[in-house]
């Protein structure tokens, strides 16, 4: 398997999608629809579940503090 850092942006998104689906399942949202939003240092997906719309953010551990994450999420 190619190292994540060597993948193209779309390739990294494809690699992260199963992780995003696992996160949704862990939160009781299995079957929700995912739409990629933004991918750079972190990756965000729009989530459409039966009862709500959410944003799922995948980030590297220790990359940003909670205040920076909240500020980024306000963009969506």
PDB file of N, CA and C in Angstrom:
ATOM      1  N   UNK A   1       0.838  -1.172   0.000  1.00  0.00           N
ATOM      2  CA  UNK A   1       0.000   0.000   0.000  1.00  0.00           C
ATOM      3  C   UNK A   1       0.891   1.247   0.000  1.00  0.00           C
ATOM      4  N   UNK A   2       0.556   2.198  -0.845  1.00  0.00           N
ATOM      5  CA  UNK A   2       1.331   3.442  -0.938  1.00  0.00           C
ATOM      6  C   UNK A   2       1.193   4.267   0.332  1.00  0.00           C
ATOM      7  N   UNK A   3       2.267   4.913   0.772  1.00  0.00           N
ATOM      8  CA  UNK A   3       2.169   5.793   1.935  1.00  0.00           C
ATOM      9  C   UNK A   3       1.164   6.919   1.678  1.00  0.00           C
ATOM     10  N   UNK A   4       0.408   7.259   2.705  1.00  0.00           N
ATOM     11  CA  UNK A   4      -0.634   8.274   2.594  1.00  0.00           C
ATOM     12  C   UNK A   4      -0.083   9.579   2.021  1.00  0.00           C
ATOM     13  N   UNK A   5       1.078  10.021   2.485  1.00  0.00           N
ATOM     14  CA  UNK A   5       1.649  11.302   2.061  1.00  0.00           C
ATOM     15  C   UNK A   5       1.977  11.329   0.569  1.00  0.00           C
ATOM     16  N   UNK A   6       2.136  10.176  -0.050  1.00  0.00           N
ATOM     17  CA  UNK A   6       2.469  10.129  -1.471  1.00  0.00           C
ATOM     18  C   UNK A   6       1.240  10.071  -2.374  1.00  0.00           C
ATOM     19  N   UNK A   7       0.064   9.944  -1.784  1.00  0.00           N
ATOM     20  CA  UNK A   7      -1.169   9.903  -2.578  1.00  0.00           C
ATOM     21  C   UNK A   7      -1.560  11.302  -3.029  1.00  0.00           C
ATOM     22  N   UNK A   8      -2.286  11.381  -4.130  1.00  0.00           N
ATOM     23  CA  UNK A   8      -2.853  12.656  -4.569  1.00  0.00           C
ATOM     24  C   UNK A   8      -3.953  13.067  -3.582  1.00  0.00           C
ATOM     25  N   UNK A   9      -4.414  14.296  -3.677  1.00  0.00           N
ATOM     26  CA  UNK A   9      -5.519  14.744  -2.824  1.00  0.00           C
ATOM     27  C   UNK A   9      -6.733  13.831  -2.944  1.00  0.00           C
ATOM     28  N   UNK A  10      -7.197  13.561  -4.169  1.00  0.00           N
ATOM     29  CA  UNK A  10      -8.329  12.640  -4.310  1.00  0.00           C
ATOM     30  C   UNK A  10      -8.019  11.238  -3.770  1.00  0.00           C
ATOM     31  N   UNK A  11      -6.784  10.796  -3.944  1.00  0.00           N
ATOM     32  CA  UNK A  11      -6.391   9.487  -3.409  1.00  0.00           C
ATOM     33  C   UNK A  11      -6.445   9.465  -1.890  1.00  0.00           C
ATOM     34  N   UNK A  12      -6.009  10.552  -1.260  1.00  0.00           N
ATOM     35  CA  UNK A  12      -6.102  10.645   0.195  1.00  0.00           C
ATOM     36  C   UNK A  12      -7.560  10.636   0.647  1.00  0.00           C
ATOM     37  N   UNK A  13      -8.419  11.342  -0.081  1.00  0.00           N
ATOM     38  CA  UNK A  13      -9.854  11.351   0.261  1.00  0.00           C
ATOM     39  C   UNK A  13     -10.433   9.939   0.162  1.00  0.00           C
ATOM     40  N   UNK A  14     -10.065   9.209  -0.868  1.00  0.00           N
ATOM     41  CA  UNK A  14     -10.559   7.837  -1.005  1.00  0.00           C
ATOM     42  C   UNK A  14     -10.079   6.972   0.158  1.00  0.00           C
ATOM     43  N   UNK A  15      -8.842   7.187   0.594  1.00  0.00           N
ATOM     44  CA  UNK A  15      -8.294   6.419   1.714  1.00  0.00           C
ATOM     45  C   UNK A  15      -9.004   6.775   3.018  1.00  0.00           C
ATOM     46  N   UNK A  16      -9.429   8.032   3.169  1.00  0.00           N
ATOM     47  CA  UNK A  16     -10.067   8.477   4.406  1.00  0.00           C
ATOM     48  C   UNK A  16     -11.558   8.132   4.481  1.00  0.00           C
ATOM     49  N   UNK A  17     -12.181   7.907   3.344  1.00  0.00           N
ATOM     50  CA  UNK A  17     -13.626   7.648   3.335  1.00  0.00           C
ATOM     51  C   UNK A  17     -14.032   6.471   4.237  1.00  0.00           C
ATOM     52  N   UNK A  18     -13.345   5.313   4.187  1.00  0.00           N
ATOM     53  CA  UNK A  18     -13.723   4.220   5.090  1.00  0.00           C
ATOM     54  C   UNK A  18     -13.603   4.607   6.571  1.00  0.00           C
ATOM     55  N   UNK A  19     -12.605   5.413   6.907  1.00  0.00           N
ATOM     56  CA  UNK A  19     -12.470   5.886   8.283  1.00  0.00           C
ATOM     57  C   UNK A  19     -13.668   6.761   8.660  1.00  0.00           C
ATOM     58  N   UNK A  20     -14.076   7.631   7.755  1.00  0.00           N
ATOM     59  CA  UNK A  20     -15.243   8.476   8.004  1.00  0.00           C
ATOM     60  C   UNK A  20     -16.500   7.618   8.201  1.00  0.00           C
ATOM     61  N   UNK A  21     -16.652   6.589   7.398  1.00  0.00           N
ATOM     62  CA  UNK A  21     -17.810   5.702   7.542  1.00  0.00           C
ATOM     63  C   UNK A  21     -17.783   4.961   8.878  1.00  0.00           C
ATOM     64  N   UNK A  22     -16.602   4.570   9.328  1.00  0.00           N
ATOM     65  CA  UNK A  22     -16.472   3.929  10.650  1.00  0.00           C
ATOM     66  C   UNK A  22     -16.871   4.905  11.756  1.00  0.00           C
ATOM     67  N   UNK A  23     -16.464   6.162  11.639  1.00  0.00           N
ATOM     68  CA  UNK A  23     -16.823   7.164  12.639  1.00  0.00           C
ATOM     69  C   UNK A  23     -18.335   7.342  12.686  1.00  0.00           C
ATOM     70  N   UNK A  24     -18.969   7.397  11.531  1.00  0.00           N
ATOM     71  CA  UNK A  24     -20.422   7.546  11.501  1.00  0.00           C
ATOM     72  C   UNK A  24     -21.099   6.356  12.180  1.00  0.00           C
ATOM     73  N   UNK A  25     -20.610   5.171  11.909  1.00  0.00           N
ATOM     74  CA  UNK A  25     -21.176   3.977  12.544  1.00  0.00           C
ATOM     75  C   UNK A  25     -21.017   4.044  14.060  1.00  0.00           C
ATOM     76  N   UNK A  26     -19.859   4.508  14.530  1.00  0.00           N
ATOM     77  CA  UNK A  26     -19.613   4.614  15.972  1.00  0.00           C
ATOM     78  C   UNK A  26     -20.571   5.598  16.639  1.00  0.00           C
ATOM     79  N   UNK A  27     -21.028   6.589  15.890  1.00  0.00           N
ATOM     80  CA  UNK A  27     -21.977   7.577  16.423  1.00  0.00           C
ATOM     81  C   UNK A  27     -23.425   7.221  16.112  1.00  0.00           C
ATOM     82  N   UNK A  28     -23.652   6.001  15.657  1.00  0.00           N
ATOM     83  CA  UNK A  28     -25.022   5.571  15.381  1.00  0.00           C
ATOM     84  C   UNK A  28     -25.593   6.158  14.109  1.00  0.00           C
ATOM     85  N   UNK A  29     -24.738   6.537  13.170  1.00  0.00           N
ATOM     86  CA  UNK A  29     -25.191   7.149  11.929  1.00  0.00           C
ATOM     87  C   UNK A  29     -24.837   6.309  10.705  1.00  0.00           C
ATOM     88  N   UNK A  30     -24.753   4.999  10.893  1.00  0.00           N
ATOM     89  CA  UNK A  30     -24.462   4.118   9.758  1.00  0.00           C
ATOM     90  C   UNK A  30     -25.513   4.336   8.680  1.00  0.00           C
ATOM     91  N   UNK A  31     -25.081   4.382   7.453  1.00  0.00           N
ATOM     92  CA  UNK A  31     -25.998   4.584   6.330  1.00  0.00           C
ATOM     93  C   UNK A  31     -26.165   6.039   5.937  1.00  0.00           C
ATOM     94  N   UNK A  32     -25.617   6.963   6.715  1.00  0.00           N
ATOM     95  CA  UNK A  32     -25.694   8.377   6.350  1.00  0.00           C
ATOM     96  C   UNK A  32     -24.872   8.622   5.084  1.00  0.00           C
ATOM     97  N   UNK A  33     -25.237   9.645   4.346  1.00  0.00           N
ATOM     98  CA  UNK A  33     -24.538   9.992   3.107  1.00  0.00           C
ATOM     99  C   UNK A  33     -23.369  10.930   3.411  1.00  0.00           C
ATOM    100  N   UNK A  34     -22.235  10.702   2.763  1.00  0.00           N
ATOM    101  CA  UNK A  34     -21.042  11.537   2.922  1.00  0.00           C
ATOM    102  C   UNK A  34     -20.763  12.289   1.636  1.00  0.00           C
ATOM    103  N   UNK A  35     -20.430  13.562   1.777  1.00  0.00           N
ATOM    104  CA  UNK A  35     -20.008  14.377   0.635  1.00  0.00           C
ATOM    105  C   UNK A  35     -18.723  15.100   1.023  1.00  0.00           C
ATOM    106  N   UNK A  36     -17.628  14.886   0.306  1.00  0.00           N
ATOM    107  CA  UNK A  36     -16.391  15.596   0.644  1.00  0.00           C
ATOM    108  C   UNK A  36     -16.591  17.109   0.563  1.00  0.00           C
ATOM    109  N   UNK A  37     -16.039  17.826   1.541  1.00  0.00           N
ATOM    110  CA  UNK A  37     -16.113  19.280   1.529  1.00  0.00           C
ATOM    111  C   UNK A  37     -14.753  19.906   1.277  1.00  0.00           C
ATOM    112  N   UNK A  38     -13.788  19.591   2.139  1.00  0.00           N
ATOM    113  CA  UNK A  38     -12.482  20.241   2.064  1.00  0.00           C
ATOM    114  C   UNK A  38     -11.407  19.264   2.512  1.00  0.00           C
ATOM    115  N   UNK A  39     -10.288  19.288   1.809  1.00  0.00           N
ATOM    116  CA  UNK A  39      -9.181  18.413   2.180  1.00  0.00           C
ATOM    117  C   UNK A  39      -7.892  19.196   2.043  1.00  0.00           C
ATOM    118  N   UNK A  40      -7.215  19.383   3.149  1.00  0.00           N
ATOM    119  CA  UNK A  40      -5.903  20.007   3.148  1.00  0.00           C
ATOM    120  C   UNK A  40      -5.132  19.372   4.290  1.00  0.00           C
ATOM    121  N   UNK A  41      -4.928  20.071   5.389  1.00  0.00           N
ATOM    122  CA  UNK A  41      -4.302  19.448   6.562  1.00  0.00           C
ATOM    123  C   UNK A  41      -5.297  18.582   7.328  1.00  0.00           C
ATOM    124  N   UNK A  42      -6.550  18.894   7.184  1.00  0.00           N
ATOM    125  CA  UNK A  42      -7.643  18.133   7.778  1.00  0.00           C
ATOM    126  C   UNK A  42      -8.643  17.856   6.675  1.00  0.00           C
ATOM    127  N   UNK A  43      -9.559  16.976   6.936  1.00  0.00           N
ATOM    128  CA  UNK A  43     -10.556  16.627   5.930  1.00  0.00           C
ATOM    129  C   UNK A  43     -11.938  16.752   6.542  1.00  0.00           C
ATOM    130  N   UNK A  44     -12.843  17.396   5.813  1.00  0.00           N
ATOM    131  CA  UNK A  44     -14.219  17.520   6.282  1.00  0.00           C
ATOM    132  C   UNK A  44     -15.167  16.914   5.256  1.00  0.00           C
ATOM    133  N   UNK A  45     -16.219  16.314   5.783  1.00  0.00           N
ATOM    134  CA  UNK A  45     -17.274  15.723   4.972  1.00  0.00           C
ATOM    135  C   UNK A  45     -18.605  16.293   5.438  1.00  0.00           C
ATOM    136  N   UNK A  46     -19.500  16.589   4.507  1.00  0.00           N
ATOM    137  CA  UNK A  46     -20.886  16.875   4.853  1.00  0.00           C
ATOM    138  C   UNK A  46     -21.561  15.532   5.081  1.00  0.00           C
ATOM    139  N   UNK A  47     -22.358  15.443   6.129  1.00  0.00           N
ATOM    140  CA  UNK A  47     -23.059  14.207   6.485  1.00  0.00           C
ATOM    141  C   UNK A  47     -24.544  14.485   6.439  1.00  0.00           C
ATOM    142  N   UNK A  48     -25.268  13.712   5.663  1.00  0.00           N
ATOM    143  CA  UNK A  48     -26.724  13.817   5.629  1.00  0.00           C
ATOM    144  C   UNK A  48     -27.293  12.528   6.193  1.00  0.00           C
ATOM    145  N   UNK A  49     -27.836  12.625   7.396  1.00  0.00           N
ATOM    146  CA  UNK A  49     -28.473  11.481   8.038  1.00  0.00           C
ATOM    147  C   UNK A  49     -29.986  11.665   7.923  1.00  0.00           C
ATOM    148  N   UNK A  50     -30.737  10.677   8.347  1.00  0.00           N
ATOM    149  CA  UNK A  50     -32.198  10.766   8.267  1.00  0.00           C
ATOM    150  C   UNK A  50     -32.747  11.979   8.999  1.00  0.00           C
ATOM    151  N   UNK A  51     -32.163  12.286  10.148  1.00  0.00           N
ATOM    152  CA  UNK A  51     -32.748  13.318  11.006  1.00  0.00           C
ATOM    153  C   UNK A  51     -31.918  14.593  11.113  1.00  0.00           C
ATOM    154  N   UNK A  52     -30.751  14.640  10.504  1.00  0.00           N
ATOM    155  CA  UNK A  52     -29.910  15.829  10.687  1.00  0.00           C
ATOM    156  C   UNK A  52     -28.858  15.958   9.600  1.00  0.00           C
ATOM    157  N   UNK A  53     -28.297  17.158   9.511  1.00  0.00           N
ATOM    158  CA  UNK A  53     -27.140  17.435   8.662  1.00  0.00           C
ATOM    159  C   UNK A  53     -25.996  17.810   9.589  1.00  0.00           C
ATOM    160  N   UNK A  54     -24.827  17.238   9.337  1.00  0.00           N
ATOM    161  CA  UNK A  54     -23.665  17.453  10.187  1.00  0.00           C
ATOM    162  C   UNK A  54     -22.424  17.647   9.329  1.00  0.00           C
ATOM    163  N   UNK A  55     -21.341  18.039   9.982  1.00  0.00           N
ATOM    164  CA  UNK A  55     -20.025  18.055   9.351  1.00  0.00           C
ATOM    165  C   UNK A  55     -19.127  17.129  10.153  1.00  0.00           C
ATOM    166  N   UNK A  56     -18.481  16.213   9.474  1.00  0.00           N
ATOM    167  CA  UNK A  56     -17.512  15.310  10.095  1.00  0.00           C
ATOM    168  C   UNK A  56     -16.124  15.801   9.735  1.00  0.00           C
ATOM    169  N   UNK A  57     -15.308  15.991  10.742  1.00  0.00           N
ATOM    170  CA  UNK A  57     -13.952  16.491  10.534  1.00  0.00           C
ATOM    171  C   UNK A  57     -12.957  15.425  10.976  1.00  0.00           C
ATOM    172  N   UNK A  58     -12.056  15.059  10.093  1.00  0.00           N
ATOM    173  CA  UNK A  58     -10.966  14.142  10.418  1.00  0.00           C
ATOM    174  C   UNK A  58      -9.686  14.964  10.476  1.00  0.00           C
ATOM    175  N   UNK A  59      -8.964  14.836  11.567  1.00  0.00           N
ATOM    176  CA  UNK A  59      -7.743  15.617  11.702  1.00  0.00           C
ATOM    177  C   UNK A  59      -6.623  14.791  12.308  1.00  0.00           C
ATOM    178  N   UNK A  60      -5.419  15.284  12.079  1.00  0.00           N
ATOM    179  CA  UNK A  60      -4.245  14.649  12.660  1.00  0.00           C
ATOM    180  C   UNK A  60      -4.213  14.946  14.152  1.00  0.00           C
ATOM    181  N   UNK A  61      -3.905  13.975  14.991  1.00  0.00           N
ATOM    182  CA  UNK A  61      -3.834  14.212  16.437  1.00  0.00           C
ATOM    183  C   UNK A  61      -2.790  15.282  16.768  1.00  0.00           C
ATOM    184  N   UNK A  62      -3.163  16.213  17.642  1.00  0.00           N
ATOM    185  CA  UNK A  62      -2.240  17.227  18.109  1.00  0.00           C
ATOM    186  C   UNK A  62      -1.930  18.335  17.120  1.00  0.00           C
ATOM    187  N   UNK A  63      -2.574  18.352  15.967  1.00  0.00           N
ATOM    188  CA  UNK A  63      -2.267  19.365  14.952  1.00  0.00           C
ATOM    189  C   UNK A  63      -2.814  20.730  15.331  1.00  0.00           C
ATOM    190  N   UNK A  64      -4.038  20.792  15.871  1.00  0.00           N
ATOM    191  CA  UNK A  64      -4.657  22.054  16.258  1.00  0.00           C
ATOM    192  C   UNK A  64      -5.336  21.884  17.605  1.00  0.00           C
ATOM    193  N   UNK A  65      -5.483  23.003  18.328  1.00  0.00           N
ATOM    194  CA  UNK A  65      -6.204  22.933  19.598  1.00  0.00           C
ATOM    195  C   UNK A  65      -7.703  23.066  19.348  1.00  0.00           C
ATOM    196  N   UNK A  66      -8.490  22.888  20.405  1.00  0.00           N
ATOM    197  CA  UNK A  66      -9.951  22.883  20.283  1.00  0.00           C
ATOM    198  C   UNK A  66     -10.489  24.206  19.743  1.00  0.00           C
ATOM    199  N   UNK A  67      -9.909  25.342  20.135  1.00  0.00           N
ATOM    200  CA  UNK A  67     -10.381  26.645  19.664  1.00  0.00           C
ATOM    201  C   UNK A  67     -10.191  26.783  18.152  1.00  0.00           C
ATOM    202  N   UNK A  68      -9.068  26.326  17.631  1.00  0.00           N
ATOM    203  CA  UNK A  68      -8.820  26.390  16.193  1.00  0.00           C
ATOM    204  C   UNK A  68      -9.788  25.490  15.432  1.00  0.00           C
ATOM    205  N   UNK A  69     -10.091  24.338  15.987  1.00  0.00           N
ATOM    206  CA  UNK A  69     -11.036  23.415  15.346  1.00  0.00           C
ATOM    207  C   UNK A  69     -12.428  24.037  15.307  1.00  0.00           C
ATOM    208  N   UNK A  70     -12.876  24.632  16.418  1.00  0.00           N
ATOM    209  CA  UNK A  70     -14.198  25.288  16.432  1.00  0.00           C
ATOM    210  C   UNK A  70     -14.262  26.399  15.400  1.00  0.00           C
ATOM    211  N   UNK A  71     -13.206  27.203  15.282  1.00  0.00           N
ATOM    212  CA  UNK A  71     -13.184  28.294  14.310  1.00  0.00           C
ATOM    213  C   UNK A  71     -13.285  27.749  12.881  1.00  0.00           C
ATOM    214  N   UNK A  72     -12.587  26.672  12.594  1.00  0.00           N
ATOM    215  CA  UNK A  72     -12.662  26.070  11.267  1.00  0.00           C
ATOM    216  C   UNK A  72     -14.062  25.556  10.980  1.00  0.00           C
ATOM    217  N   UNK A  73     -14.685  24.928  11.935  1.00  0.00           N
ATOM    218  CA  UNK A  73     -16.016  24.367  11.711  1.00  0.00           C
ATOM    219  C   UNK A  73     -17.074  25.452  11.498  1.00  0.00           C
ATOM    220  N   UNK A  74     -16.859  26.634  12.015  1.00  0.00           N
ATOM    221  CA  UNK A  74     -17.817  27.731  11.794  1.00  0.00           C
ATOM    222  C   UNK A  74     -17.886  28.125  10.327  1.00  0.00           C
ATOM    223  N   UNK A  75     -16.868  27.778   9.537  1.00  0.00           N
ATOM    224  CA  UNK A  75     -16.876  28.074   8.100  1.00  0.00           C
ATOM    225  C   UNK A  75     -17.977  27.307   7.378  1.00  0.00           C
ATOM    226  N   UNK A  76     -18.404  26.199   7.939  1.00  0.00           N
ATOM    227  CA  UNK A  76     -19.388  25.351   7.272  1.00  0.00           C
ATOM    228  C   UNK A  76     -20.743  25.633   7.836  1.00  0.00           C
TER     229      UNK A  76
END
